[in-house]
């Protein structure tokens, strides 16, 4: 994997076959670590235009890319700063896929409400943000409050009625 980080020519393989998923997510990691967010957006849009589904972009590419980034961090292959910046890039790419490439909810009708939050002090927010996007796509109104204090959460629940509180 570290050799991919240094290869600035790395592109997302265009085939959507399962054997290319590993290469596709590795390419996303390389782009995130190299600051090539715009190229990643162009290539994600091309995959979407060729028929790759929202779920596959999120769960088949972005989630494994985040996992690969975590493994690089665990093995001390990348610095804290690099991992922080690359994670932010992956999160922006997740929002890009959710907002720019797929903005229609699956289920029209009555909007259900959810307050989604991590336990106070939690450091990992990408998974919860991705889950929030899936619920939004399914027609839910989701208030996602990463990093909210207990007092902020109590205030939010007192201000608004929610169908679901998700930790």
Foldseek 3Di string as FASTA:
>chain_A
DLVLLVDPVQAQDQDPDLVSLVSRQSSLLSCLLVVVLVRNLVRLLSSVVVPDDLCCVVVSHLVVNLVVLVVCVVVVVDDPVSSVSSVVSSLVSNVCSLVVVQPAAPDDDDAAEEEEEDAAPDDDDSVSSNVQSNSVSNRYHYHYDYNDDPVRVVVVCVVDPHPYYHD
